[in-house]
């Protein structure tokens, strides 16, 4: 199942009868990502550059500068 953000909601494209599921959520809204996911992969230019837990995302415990800037930008504190 793939979840993809729309402007105002999440679109679920396929349902499944399994109890244990893995979702791929594509979003720029980090609040939604941290709420819906337990693990997060940050991508830039089509490549995963960092994997972290949702707790690390919420606590701003990123290892890469790109992820730190992404977190700051999502909180309205973008830096140059």
N, C-alpha and C. Protein backbone atom coordinates (compact mmCIF):
# COMPACT_ATOMS: atom_id res chain seq x y z
N UNK A 1 0.84 -1.16 0.00
CA UNK A 1 0.00 0.00 0.00
C UNK A 1 0.89 1.24 0.00
N UNK A 2 0.56 2.17 -0.83
CA UNK A 2 1.28 3.43 -0.89
C UNK A 2 0.35 4.56 -0.48
N UNK A 3 0.82 5.40 0.42
CA UNK A 3 0.07 6.58 0.83
C UNK A 3 0.78 7.79 0.24
N UNK A 4 0.02 8.67 -0.32
CA UNK A 4 0.60 9.87 -0.90
C UNK A 4 -0.20 11.06 -0.46
N UNK A 5 0.48 12.10 0.03
CA UNK A 5 -0.26 13.26 0.51
C UNK A 5 -0.93 14.00 -0.63
N UNK A 6 -2.10 14.51 -0.36
CA UNK A 6 -2.75 15.47 -1.24
C UNK A 6 -2.70 16.80 -0.51
N UNK A 7 -3.29 17.82 -1.05
CA UNK A 7 -3.21 19.11 -0.39
C UNK A 7 -3.86 19.13 0.98
N UNK A 8 -4.95 18.38 1.16
CA UNK A 8 -5.65 18.45 2.43
C UNK A 8 -5.85 17.10 3.11
N UNK A 9 -5.46 16.00 2.47
CA UNK A 9 -5.73 14.71 3.09
C UNK A 9 -4.76 13.65 2.59
N UNK A 10 -4.85 12.48 3.18
CA UNK A 10 -4.05 11.34 2.75
C UNK A 10 -4.94 10.45 1.90
N UNK A 11 -4.42 10.04 0.75
CA UNK A 11 -5.16 9.19 -0.18
C UNK A 11 -4.66 7.77 -0.03
N UNK A 12 -5.52 6.85 0.40
CA UNK A 12 -5.15 5.45 0.52
C UNK A 12 -5.55 4.77 -0.78
N UNK A 13 -4.55 4.29 -1.53
CA UNK A 13 -4.80 3.80 -2.87
C UNK A 13 -5.20 2.33 -2.95
N UNK A 14 -4.93 1.54 -1.91
CA UNK A 14 -5.25 0.11 -1.95
C UNK A 14 -5.38 -0.40 -0.52
N UNK A 15 -6.36 -1.25 -0.27
CA UNK A 15 -6.51 -1.79 1.08
C UNK A 15 -5.96 -3.21 1.13
N UNK A 16 -5.72 -3.69 2.34
CA UNK A 16 -5.15 -5.01 2.52
C UNK A 16 -5.80 -5.70 3.71
N UNK A 17 -5.87 -7.01 3.66
CA UNK A 17 -6.48 -7.78 4.74
C UNK A 17 -5.46 -8.28 5.75
N UNK A 18 -4.18 -7.97 5.57
CA UNK A 18 -3.14 -8.44 6.48
C UNK A 18 -3.16 -7.65 7.78
N UNK A 19 -2.76 -8.33 8.86
CA UNK A 19 -2.70 -7.68 10.16
C UNK A 19 -1.46 -6.79 10.27
N UNK A 20 -0.33 -7.28 9.81
CA UNK A 20 0.91 -6.51 9.84
C UNK A 20 1.15 -5.91 8.47
N UNK A 21 1.26 -4.61 8.42
CA UNK A 21 1.41 -3.92 7.14
C UNK A 21 2.63 -3.02 7.15
N UNK A 22 3.16 -2.80 5.98
CA UNK A 22 4.19 -1.80 5.78
C UNK A 22 3.62 -0.78 4.83
N UNK A 23 3.71 0.47 5.21
CA UNK A 23 3.23 1.56 4.38
C UNK A 23 4.40 2.37 3.88
N UNK A 24 4.27 2.88 2.69
CA UNK A 24 5.21 3.87 2.18
C UNK A 24 4.43 5.17 2.10
N UNK A 25 4.81 6.13 2.92
CA UNK A 25 4.13 7.42 2.96
C UNK A 25 5.07 8.45 2.36
N UNK A 26 4.64 9.09 1.30
CA UNK A 26 5.43 10.13 0.64
C UNK A 26 4.83 11.47 1.03
N UNK A 27 5.60 12.28 1.74
CA UNK A 27 5.06 13.54 2.23
C UNK A 27 6.18 14.53 2.52
N UNK A 28 5.85 15.81 2.39
CA UNK A 28 6.73 16.88 2.84
C UNK A 28 6.27 17.43 4.18
N UNK A 29 5.15 16.92 4.68
CA UNK A 29 4.58 17.40 5.94
C UNK A 29 5.12 16.51 7.07
N UNK A 30 6.17 16.98 7.72
CA UNK A 30 6.86 16.14 8.70
C UNK A 30 6.02 15.82 9.92
N UNK A 31 5.05 16.68 10.29
CA UNK A 31 4.14 16.36 11.39
C UNK A 31 3.35 15.10 11.09
N UNK A 32 2.89 14.98 9.85
CA UNK A 32 2.13 13.80 9.43
C UNK A 32 3.03 12.57 9.45
N UNK A 33 4.23 12.72 8.92
CA UNK A 33 5.19 11.61 8.88
C UNK A 33 5.50 11.11 10.29
N UNK A 34 5.80 12.03 11.20
CA UNK A 34 6.14 11.64 12.58
C UNK A 34 4.96 11.00 13.28
N UNK A 35 3.75 11.39 12.93
CA UNK A 35 2.55 10.83 13.56
C UNK A 35 2.21 9.44 13.02
N UNK A 36 2.37 9.23 11.72
CA UNK A 36 1.92 7.99 11.09
C UNK A 36 2.99 6.91 10.98
N UNK A 37 4.25 7.27 11.15
CA UNK A 37 5.34 6.32 10.88
C UNK A 37 6.18 6.06 12.13
N UNK A 38 6.77 4.89 12.18
CA UNK A 38 7.72 4.60 13.25
C UNK A 38 9.16 4.77 12.76
N UNK A 39 9.39 4.56 11.47
CA UNK A 39 10.71 4.76 10.86
C UNK A 39 10.57 5.71 9.69
N UNK A 40 11.58 6.55 9.49
CA UNK A 40 11.54 7.57 8.46
C UNK A 40 12.82 7.50 7.63
N UNK A 41 12.66 7.58 6.32
CA UNK A 41 13.81 7.69 5.42
C UNK A 41 13.72 9.04 4.74
N UNK A 42 14.81 9.79 4.78
CA UNK A 42 14.86 11.11 4.16
C UNK A 42 15.57 10.96 2.82
N UNK A 43 14.94 11.50 1.78
CA UNK A 43 15.49 11.40 0.43
C UNK A 43 15.78 12.78 -0.13
N UNK A 44 16.81 12.84 -0.96
CA UNK A 44 17.08 14.01 -1.78
C UNK A 44 17.64 13.52 -3.10
N UNK A 45 17.21 14.12 -4.17
CA UNK A 45 17.64 13.76 -5.52
C UNK A 45 17.48 12.27 -5.78
N UNK A 46 16.40 11.68 -5.25
CA UNK A 46 16.09 10.28 -5.51
C UNK A 46 16.89 9.27 -4.72
N UNK A 47 17.66 9.71 -3.73
CA UNK A 47 18.47 8.79 -2.92
C UNK A 47 18.17 8.99 -1.44
N UNK A 48 18.12 7.86 -0.72
CA UNK A 48 17.96 7.93 0.74
C UNK A 48 19.28 8.37 1.34
N UNK A 49 19.22 9.46 2.12
CA UNK A 49 20.45 9.97 2.73
C UNK A 49 20.49 9.75 4.24
N UNK A 50 19.32 9.43 4.83
CA UNK A 50 19.30 9.19 6.27
C UNK A 50 18.05 8.40 6.63
N UNK A 51 18.20 7.50 7.59
CA UNK A 51 17.07 6.78 8.17
C UNK A 51 17.08 7.07 9.67
N UNK A 52 15.90 7.37 10.20
CA UNK A 52 15.80 7.66 11.62
C UNK A 52 14.42 7.27 12.13
N UNK A 53 14.29 7.20 13.44
CA UNK A 53 12.99 6.87 14.03
C UNK A 53 12.11 8.12 14.04
N UNK A 54 10.81 7.91 14.18
CA UNK A 54 9.88 9.04 14.29
C UNK A 54 10.20 9.87 15.54
N UNK A 55 10.62 9.20 16.61
CA UNK A 55 11.01 9.93 17.82
C UNK A 55 12.21 10.84 17.55
N UNK A 56 13.19 10.33 16.81
CA UNK A 56 14.35 11.16 16.45
C UNK A 56 13.92 12.34 15.59
N UNK A 57 12.97 12.11 14.70
CA UNK A 57 12.45 13.20 13.87
C UNK A 57 11.78 14.26 14.75
N UNK A 58 10.92 13.82 15.66
CA UNK A 58 10.23 14.76 16.56
C UNK A 58 11.21 15.50 17.46
N UNK A 59 12.28 14.83 17.89
CA UNK A 59 13.28 15.43 18.78
C UNK A 59 14.38 16.16 18.04
N UNK A 60 14.24 16.25 16.72
CA UNK A 60 15.21 16.93 15.86
C UNK A 60 16.62 16.34 16.01
N UNK A 61 16.70 15.01 16.10
CA UNK A 61 17.98 14.32 16.28
C UNK A 61 18.51 13.79 14.95
N UNK A 62 18.56 14.64 13.96
CA UNK A 62 19.03 14.23 12.63
C UNK A 62 20.56 14.21 12.60
N UNK A 63 21.10 13.33 11.76
CA UNK A 63 22.55 13.21 11.63
C UNK A 63 23.08 14.05 10.47
N UNK A 64 22.29 14.20 9.42
CA UNK A 64 22.78 14.94 8.25
C UNK A 64 22.29 16.39 8.28
N UNK A 65 23.07 17.27 7.71
CA UNK A 65 22.72 18.68 7.63
C UNK A 65 21.45 18.88 6.82
N UNK A 66 21.28 18.12 5.75
CA UNK A 66 20.08 18.24 4.91
C UNK A 66 18.82 17.95 5.73
N UNK A 67 18.84 16.90 6.54
CA UNK A 67 17.67 16.55 7.35
C UNK A 67 17.43 17.61 8.41
N UNK A 68 18.48 18.12 9.03
CA UNK A 68 18.32 19.19 10.02
C UNK A 68 17.67 20.42 9.38
N UNK A 69 18.10 20.77 8.18
CA UNK A 69 17.51 21.92 7.48
C UNK A 69 16.06 21.65 7.11
N UNK A 70 15.75 20.42 6.71
CA UNK A 70 14.38 20.05 6.38
C UNK A 70 13.47 20.18 7.61
N UNK A 71 13.94 19.72 8.76
CA UNK A 71 13.17 19.84 10.00
C UNK A 71 12.96 21.30 10.35
N UNK A 72 14.01 22.09 10.28
CA UNK A 72 13.89 23.52 10.60
C UNK A 72 12.94 24.23 9.64
N UNK A 73 13.02 23.92 8.37
CA UNK A 73 12.13 24.54 7.37
C UNK A 73 10.68 24.15 7.64
N UNK A 74 10.44 22.91 8.05
CA UNK A 74 9.07 22.47 8.32
C UNK A 74 8.49 23.15 9.55
N UNK A 75 9.35 23.65 10.42
CA UNK A 75 8.90 24.36 11.62
C UNK A 75 8.91 25.87 11.42
N UNK A 76 9.16 26.31 10.18
CA UNK A 76 9.16 27.73 9.89
C UNK A 76 10.40 28.44 10.34
N UNK A 77 11.50 27.70 10.52
CA UNK A 77 12.76 28.28 10.99
C UNK A 77 13.88 28.00 9.99
N UNK A 78 13.62 28.22 8.73
CA UNK A 78 14.60 27.92 7.69
C UNK A 78 15.85 28.77 7.88
N UNK A 79 16.99 28.13 7.61
CA UNK A 79 18.28 28.83 7.66
C UNK A 79 18.91 28.82 6.29
N UNK A 80 19.76 29.78 6.05
CA UNK A 80 20.42 29.86 4.74
C UNK A 80 21.64 28.98 4.69
